[in-house]
Amino acid sequence: EMVRGDWVKPGAIVVDFGTTYTDDGLKGDCHQAEVAAVAGMMTPVPGGVGPMTNVILMQNLLQAATLAVKG
């Protein structure tokens, strides 16, 4: 948990992309309790960024397929 609450501006939107496997399970780069107390919004770990990444990958795939068909 590298990012602490005092690193974050009040009301900021924090997207925690970092993941580390520990004995306690999957953890992000943010100290969840400290950052959540300051931030306006924050992605959960696990389950926050993964679904968003999948959507963006699908959008890119559809765009590439469309461009390939139009040739």
PDB file of N, CA and C in Angstrom:
ATOM      1  N   GLU A   1       0.850  -1.180   0.000  1.00  0.00           N
ATOM      2  CA  GLU A   1       0.000   0.000   0.000  1.00  0.00           C
ATOM      3  C   GLU A   1       0.885   1.229   0.000  1.00  0.00           C
ATOM      4  N   MET A   2       1.221   1.623  -1.192  1.00  0.00           N
ATOM      5  CA  MET A   2       2.199   2.674  -1.379  1.00  0.00           C
ATOM      6  C   MET A   2       1.580   4.066  -1.285  1.00  0.00           C
ATOM      7  N   VAL A   3       0.370   4.262  -1.810  1.00  0.00           N
ATOM      8  CA  VAL A   3      -0.256   5.588  -1.841  1.00  0.00           C
ATOM      9  C   VAL A   3      -1.042   5.798  -0.554  1.00  0.00           C
ATOM     10  N   ARG A   4      -0.693   6.834   0.175  1.00  0.00           N
ATOM     11  CA  ARG A   4      -1.327   7.124   1.457  1.00  0.00           C
ATOM     12  C   ARG A   4      -2.348   8.249   1.294  1.00  0.00           C
ATOM     13  N   GLY A   5      -3.197   8.419   2.283  1.00  0.00           N
ATOM     14  CA  GLY A   5      -4.248   9.421   2.235  1.00  0.00           C
ATOM     15  C   GLY A   5      -3.751  10.849   2.089  1.00  0.00           C
ATOM     16  N   ASP A   6      -2.599  11.158   2.677  1.00  0.00           N
ATOM     17  CA  ASP A   6      -2.095  12.529   2.592  1.00  0.00           C
ATOM     18  C   ASP A   6      -1.472  12.846   1.229  1.00  0.00           C
ATOM     19  N   TRP A   7      -1.417  11.883   0.332  1.00  0.00           N
ATOM     20  CA  TRP A   7      -0.940  12.106  -1.029  1.00  0.00           C
ATOM     21  C   TRP A   7      -2.068  12.552  -1.958  1.00  0.00           C
ATOM     22  N   VAL A   8      -3.304  12.442  -1.490  1.00  0.00           N
ATOM     23  CA  VAL A   8      -4.481  12.629  -2.342  1.00  0.00           C
ATOM     24  C   VAL A   8      -5.172  13.951  -2.017  1.00  0.00           C
ATOM     25  N   LYS A   9      -5.568  14.690  -3.072  1.00  0.00           N
ATOM     26  CA  LYS A   9      -6.323  15.917  -2.860  1.00  0.00           C
ATOM     27  C   LYS A   9      -7.749  15.565  -2.434  1.00  0.00           C
ATOM     28  N   PRO A  10      -8.326  16.342  -1.542  1.00  0.00           N
ATOM     29  CA  PRO A  10      -9.715  16.085  -1.134  1.00  0.00           C
ATOM     30  C   PRO A  10     -10.651  16.104  -2.349  1.00  0.00           C
ATOM     31  N   GLY A  11     -11.490  15.088  -2.425  1.00  0.00           N
ATOM     32  CA  GLY A  11     -12.468  14.985  -3.497  1.00  0.00           C
ATOM     33  C   GLY A  11     -11.943  14.383  -4.790  1.00  0.00           C
ATOM     34  N   ALA A  12     -10.668  14.007  -4.833  1.00  0.00           N
ATOM     35  CA  ALA A  12     -10.072  13.456  -6.056  1.00  0.00           C
ATOM     36  C   ALA A  12     -10.709  12.117  -6.419  1.00  0.00           C
ATOM     37  N   ILE A  13     -10.655  11.794  -7.710  1.00  0.00           N
ATOM     38  CA  ILE A  13     -11.079  10.477  -8.182  1.00  0.00           C
ATOM     39  C   ILE A  13      -9.813   9.640  -8.316  1.00  0.00           C
ATOM     40  N   VAL A  14      -9.761   8.531  -7.598  1.00  0.00           N
ATOM     41  CA  VAL A  14      -8.561   7.694  -7.559  1.00  0.00           C
ATOM     42  C   VAL A  14      -8.860   6.367  -8.266  1.00  0.00           C
ATOM     43  N   VAL A  15      -8.071   6.080  -9.299  1.00  0.00           N
ATOM     44  CA  VAL A  15      -8.178   4.815 -10.030  1.00  0.00           C
ATOM     45  C   VAL A  15      -6.942   3.998  -9.663  1.00  0.00           C
ATOM     46  N   ASP A  16      -7.158   2.949  -8.896  1.00  0.00           N
ATOM     47  CA  ASP A  16      -6.064   2.120  -8.399  1.00  0.00           C
ATOM     48  C   ASP A  16      -5.834   0.963  -9.374  1.00  0.00           C
ATOM     49  N   PHE A  17      -4.817   1.092 -10.235  1.00  0.00           N
ATOM     50  CA  PHE A  17      -4.487   0.063 -11.218  1.00  0.00           C
ATOM     51  C   PHE A  17      -3.546  -0.989 -10.657  1.00  0.00           C
ATOM     52  N   GLY A  18      -2.869  -0.692  -9.578  1.00  0.00           N
ATOM     53  CA  GLY A  18      -1.870  -1.609  -9.048  1.00  0.00           C
ATOM     54  C   GLY A  18      -2.492  -2.814  -8.383  1.00  0.00           C
ATOM     55  N   THR A  19      -1.877  -3.970  -8.580  1.00  0.00           N
ATOM     56  CA  THR A  19      -2.334  -5.177  -7.892  1.00  0.00           C
ATOM     57  C   THR A  19      -1.133  -5.958  -7.392  1.00  0.00           C
ATOM     58  N   THR A  20      -1.246  -6.416  -6.175  1.00  0.00           N
ATOM     59  CA  THR A  20      -0.220  -7.229  -5.551  1.00  0.00           C
ATOM     60  C   THR A  20      -0.907  -8.359  -4.805  1.00  0.00           C
ATOM     61  N   TYR A  21      -0.428  -9.579  -5.016  1.00  0.00           N
ATOM     62  CA  TYR A  21      -0.963 -10.721  -4.285  1.00  0.00           C
ATOM     63  C   TYR A  21      -0.218 -10.855  -2.966  1.00  0.00           C
ATOM     64  N   THR A  22      -0.980 -10.878  -1.870  1.00  0.00           N
ATOM     65  CA  THR A  22      -0.392 -11.035  -0.536  1.00  0.00           C
ATOM     66  C   THR A  22      -1.036 -12.232   0.149  1.00  0.00           C
ATOM     67  N   ASP A  23      -0.563 -12.555   1.328  1.00  0.00           N
ATOM     68  CA  ASP A  23      -1.184 -13.636   2.101  1.00  0.00           C
ATOM     69  C   ASP A  23      -2.630 -13.312   2.462  1.00  0.00           C
ATOM     70  N   ASP A  24      -2.963 -12.014   2.500  1.00  0.00           N
ATOM     71  CA  ASP A  24      -4.323 -11.572   2.824  1.00  0.00           C
ATOM     72  C   ASP A  24      -5.203 -11.436   1.587  1.00  0.00           C
ATOM     73  N   GLY A  25      -4.673 -11.732   0.401  1.00  0.00           N
ATOM     74  CA  GLY A  25      -5.442 -11.627  -0.836  1.00  0.00           C
ATOM     75  C   GLY A  25      -4.883 -10.560  -1.750  1.00  0.00           C
ATOM     76  N   LEU A  26      -5.687 -10.162  -2.722  1.00  0.00           N
ATOM     77  CA  LEU A  26      -5.273  -9.168  -3.717  1.00  0.00           C
ATOM     78  C   LEU A  26      -5.388  -7.771  -3.127  1.00  0.00           C
ATOM     79  N   LYS A  27      -4.329  -6.989  -3.261  1.00  0.00           N
ATOM     80  CA  LYS A  27      -4.285  -5.619  -2.741  1.00  0.00           C
ATOM     81  C   LYS A  27      -3.907  -4.657  -3.861  1.00  0.00           C
ATOM     82  N   GLY A  28      -4.341  -3.416  -3.736  1.00  0.00           N
ATOM     83  CA  GLY A  28      -3.967  -2.373  -4.691  1.00  0.00           C
ATOM     84  C   GLY A  28      -2.792  -1.567  -4.163  1.00  0.00           C
ATOM     85  N   ASP A  29      -2.460  -0.498  -4.896  1.00  0.00           N
ATOM     86  CA  ASP A  29      -1.356   0.375  -4.491  1.00  0.00           C
ATOM     87  C   ASP A  29      -1.777   1.396  -3.442  1.00  0.00           C
ATOM     88  N   CYS A  30      -3.071   1.590  -3.254  1.00  0.00           N
ATOM     89  CA  CYS A  30      -3.574   2.581  -2.306  1.00  0.00           C
ATOM     90  C   CYS A  30      -3.909   1.952  -0.960  1.00  0.00           C
ATOM     91  N   HIS A  31      -3.647   2.697   0.088  1.00  0.00           N
ATOM     92  CA  HIS A  31      -4.112   2.315   1.412  1.00  0.00           C
ATOM     93  C   HIS A  31      -5.608   2.653   1.425  1.00  0.00           C
ATOM     94  N   GLN A  32      -6.440   1.624   1.248  1.00  0.00           N
ATOM     95  CA  GLN A  32      -7.870   1.810   1.004  1.00  0.00           C
ATOM     96  C   GLN A  32      -8.552   2.712   2.032  1.00  0.00           C
ATOM     97  N   ALA A  33      -8.352   2.471   3.295  1.00  0.00           N
ATOM     98  CA  ALA A  33      -9.047   3.244   4.335  1.00  0.00           C
ATOM     99  C   ALA A  33      -8.630   4.709   4.321  1.00  0.00           C
ATOM    100  N   GLU A  34      -7.320   4.968   4.243  1.00  0.00           N
ATOM    101  CA  GLU A  34      -6.834   6.351   4.261  1.00  0.00           C
ATOM    102  C   GLU A  34      -7.270   7.129   3.021  1.00  0.00           C
ATOM    103  N   VAL A  35      -7.102   6.519   1.852  1.00  0.00           N
ATOM    104  CA  VAL A  35      -7.423   7.206   0.604  1.00  0.00           C
ATOM    105  C   VAL A  35      -8.932   7.417   0.484  1.00  0.00           C
ATOM    106  N   ALA A  36      -9.719   6.428   0.859  1.00  0.00           N
ATOM    107  CA  ALA A  36     -11.179   6.544   0.785  1.00  0.00           C
ATOM    108  C   ALA A  36     -11.699   7.667   1.681  1.00  0.00           C
ATOM    109  N   ALA A  37     -11.009   7.946   2.778  1.00  0.00           N
ATOM    110  CA  ALA A  37     -11.428   9.016   3.681  1.00  0.00           C
ATOM    111  C   ALA A  37     -11.233  10.401   3.069  1.00  0.00           C
ATOM    112  N   VAL A  38     -10.334  10.516   2.075  1.00  0.00           N
ATOM    113  CA  VAL A  38     -10.017  11.801   1.461  1.00  0.00           C
ATOM    114  C   VAL A  38     -10.630  11.933   0.069  1.00  0.00           C
ATOM    115  N   ALA A  39     -10.583  10.872  -0.698  1.00  0.00           N
ATOM    116  CA  ALA A  39     -11.007  10.909  -2.097  1.00  0.00           C
ATOM    117  C   ALA A  39     -12.529  11.026  -2.222  1.00  0.00           C
ATOM    118  N   GLY A  40     -12.961  11.603  -3.351  1.00  0.00           N
ATOM    119  CA  GLY A  40     -14.388  11.674  -3.645  1.00  0.00           C
ATOM    120  C   GLY A  40     -14.906  10.339  -4.142  1.00  0.00           C
ATOM    121  N   MET A  41     -14.098   9.660  -4.947  1.00  0.00           N
ATOM    122  CA  MET A  41     -14.422   8.335  -5.468  1.00  0.00           C
ATOM    123  C   MET A  41     -13.138   7.538  -5.597  1.00  0.00           C
ATOM    124  N   MET A  42     -13.295   6.204  -5.542  1.00  0.00           N
ATOM    125  CA  MET A  42     -12.123   5.343  -5.612  1.00  0.00           C
ATOM    126  C   MET A  42     -12.519   3.984  -6.154  1.00  0.00           C
ATOM    127  N   THR A  43     -11.719   3.432  -7.068  1.00  0.00           N
ATOM    128  CA  THR A  43     -12.016   2.100  -7.578  1.00  0.00           C
ATOM    129  C   THR A  43     -11.638   1.060  -6.533  1.00  0.00           C
ATOM    130  N   PRO A  44     -12.462   0.024  -6.403  1.00  0.00           N
ATOM    131  CA  PRO A  44     -12.122  -1.039  -5.454  1.00  0.00           C
ATOM    132  C   PRO A  44     -11.063  -1.975  -6.036  1.00  0.00           C
ATOM    133  N   VAL A  45     -10.359  -2.658  -5.174  1.00  0.00           N
ATOM    134  CA  VAL A  45      -9.429  -3.718  -5.564  1.00  0.00           C
ATOM    135  C   VAL A  45      -9.755  -4.901  -4.678  1.00  0.00           C
ATOM    136  N   PRO A  46     -10.084  -6.048  -5.248  1.00  0.00           N
ATOM    137  CA  PRO A  46     -10.216  -6.347  -6.680  1.00  0.00           C
ATOM    138  C   PRO A  46     -11.578  -5.906  -7.220  1.00  0.00           C
ATOM    139  N   GLY A  47     -11.701  -5.941  -8.535  1.00  0.00           N
ATOM    140  CA  GLY A  47     -12.988  -5.714  -9.193  1.00  0.00           C
ATOM    141  C   GLY A  47     -13.241  -4.323  -9.709  1.00  0.00           C
ATOM    142  N   GLY A  48     -12.294  -3.415  -9.613  1.00  0.00           N
ATOM    143  CA  GLY A  48     -12.544  -2.047 -10.050  1.00  0.00           C
ATOM    144  C   GLY A  48     -12.168  -1.767 -11.484  1.00  0.00           C
ATOM    145  N   VAL A  49     -10.933  -2.021 -11.838  1.00  0.00           N
ATOM    146  CA  VAL A  49     -10.431  -1.638 -13.144  1.00  0.00           C
ATOM    147  C   VAL A  49     -10.591  -2.756 -14.169  1.00  0.00           C
ATOM    148  N   GLY A  50     -10.613  -3.986 -13.752  1.00  0.00           N
ATOM    149  CA  GLY A  50     -10.716  -5.116 -14.682  1.00  0.00           C
ATOM    150  C   GLY A  50     -11.893  -5.015 -15.642  1.00  0.00           C
ATOM    151  N   PRO A  51     -13.113  -4.795 -15.157  1.00  0.00           N
ATOM    152  CA  PRO A  51     -14.248  -4.675 -16.073  1.00  0.00           C
ATOM    153  C   PRO A  51     -14.109  -3.502 -17.044  1.00  0.00           C
ATOM    154  N   MET A  52     -13.562  -2.388 -16.595  1.00  0.00           N
ATOM    155  CA  MET A  52     -13.362  -1.228 -17.465  1.00  0.00           C
ATOM    156  C   MET A  52     -12.343  -1.562 -18.556  1.00  0.00           C
ATOM    157  N   THR A  53     -11.283  -2.262 -18.196  1.00  0.00           N
ATOM    158  CA  THR A  53     -10.278  -2.668 -19.172  1.00  0.00           C
ATOM    159  C   THR A  53     -10.896  -3.578 -20.227  1.00  0.00           C
ATOM    160  N   ASN A  54     -11.742  -4.517 -19.813  1.00  0.00           N
ATOM    161  CA  ASN A  54     -12.403  -5.418 -20.763  1.00  0.00           C
ATOM    162  C   ASN A  54     -13.281  -4.651 -21.747  1.00  0.00           C
ATOM    163  N   VAL A  55     -14.006  -3.661 -21.271  1.00  0.00           N
ATOM    164  CA  VAL A  55     -14.862  -2.865 -22.153  1.00  0.00           C
ATOM    165  C   VAL A  55     -14.028  -2.121 -23.189  1.00  0.00           C
ATOM    166  N   ILE A  56     -12.939  -1.505 -22.769  1.00  0.00           N
ATOM    167  CA  ILE A  56     -12.080  -0.761 -23.692  1.00  0.00           C
ATOM    168  C   ILE A  56     -11.456  -1.711 -24.723  1.00  0.00           C
ATOM    169  N   LEU A  57     -11.030  -2.896 -24.289  1.00  0.00           N
ATOM    170  CA  LEU A  57     -10.479  -3.866 -25.236  1.00  0.00           C
ATOM    171  C   LEU A  57     -11.519  -4.279 -26.273  1.00  0.00           C
ATOM    172  N   MET A  58     -12.761  -4.490 -25.859  1.00  0.00           N
ATOM    173  CA  MET A  58     -13.825  -4.853 -26.795  1.00  0.00           C
ATOM    174  C   MET A  58     -14.109  -3.714 -27.766  1.00  0.00           C
ATOM    175  N   GLN A  59     -14.109  -2.473 -27.286  1.00  0.00           N
ATOM    176  CA  GLN A  59     -14.303  -1.329 -28.174  1.00  0.00           C
ATOM    177  C   GLN A  59     -13.205  -1.278 -29.237  1.00  0.00           C
ATOM    178  N   ASN A  60     -11.975  -1.485 -28.820  1.00  0.00           N
ATOM    179  CA  ASN A  60     -10.858  -1.471 -29.764  1.00  0.00           C
ATOM    180  C   ASN A  60     -10.960  -2.614 -30.768  1.00  0.00           C
ATOM    181  N   LEU A  61     -11.377  -3.787 -30.303  1.00  0.00           N
ATOM    182  CA  LEU A  61     -11.547  -4.931 -31.193  1.00  0.00           C
ATOM    183  C   LEU A  61     -12.619  -4.657 -32.247  1.00  0.00           C
ATOM    184  N   LEU A  62     -13.752  -4.108 -31.823  1.00  0.00           N
ATOM    185  CA  LEU A  62     -14.825  -3.790 -32.768  1.00  0.00           C
ATOM    186  C   LEU A  62     -14.389  -2.718 -33.767  1.00  0.00           C
ATOM    187  N   GLN A  63     -13.668  -1.734 -33.298  1.00  0.00           N
ATOM    188  CA  GLN A  63     -13.171  -0.682 -34.196  1.00  0.00           C
ATOM    189  C   GLN A  63     -12.204  -1.278 -35.222  1.00  0.00           C
ATOM    190  N   ALA A  64     -11.308  -2.147 -34.781  1.00  0.00           N
ATOM    191  CA  ALA A  64     -10.352  -2.772 -35.696  1.00  0.00           C
ATOM    192  C   ALA A  64     -11.063  -3.660 -36.712  1.00  0.00           C
ATOM    193  N   ALA A  65     -12.066  -4.396 -36.264  1.00  0.00           N
ATOM    194  CA  ALA A  65     -12.824  -5.261 -37.176  1.00  0.00           C
ATOM    195  C   ALA A  65     -13.569  -4.436 -38.215  1.00  0.00           C
ATOM    196  N   THR A  66     -14.163  -3.336 -37.788  1.00  0.00           N
ATOM    197  CA  THR A  66     -14.879  -2.448 -38.710  1.00  0.00           C
ATOM    198  C   THR A  66     -13.918  -1.886 -39.759  1.00  0.00           C
ATOM    199  N   LEU A  67     -12.775  -1.432 -39.327  1.00  0.00           N
ATOM    200  CA  LEU A  67     -11.780  -0.889 -40.262  1.00  0.00           C
ATOM    201  C   LEU A  67     -11.273  -1.966 -41.219  1.00  0.00           C
ATOM    202  N   ALA A  68     -11.124  -3.194 -40.739  1.00  0.00           N
ATOM    203  CA  ALA A  68     -10.644  -4.292 -41.586  1.00  0.00           C
ATOM    204  C   ALA A  68     -11.670  -4.631 -42.665  1.00  0.00           C
ATOM    205  N   VAL A  69     -12.951  -4.596 -42.332  1.00  0.00           N
ATOM    206  CA  VAL A  69     -14.020  -4.911 -43.288  1.00  0.00           C
ATOM    207  C   VAL A  69     -14.130  -3.812 -44.337  1.00  0.00           C
ATOM    208  N   LYS A  70     -14.007  -2.561 -43.902  1.00  0.00           N
ATOM    209  CA  LYS A  70     -14.104  -1.428 -44.841  1.00  0.00           C
ATOM    210  C   LYS A  70     -12.897  -1.390 -45.782  1.00  0.00           C
ATOM    211  N   GLY A  71     -11.773  -1.977 -45.307  1.00  0.00           N
ATOM    212  CA  GLY A  71     -10.551  -2.114 -46.059  1.00  0.00           C
ATOM    213  C   GLY A  71     -10.084  -0.960 -46.763  1.00  0.00           C
TER     214      GLY A  71
END
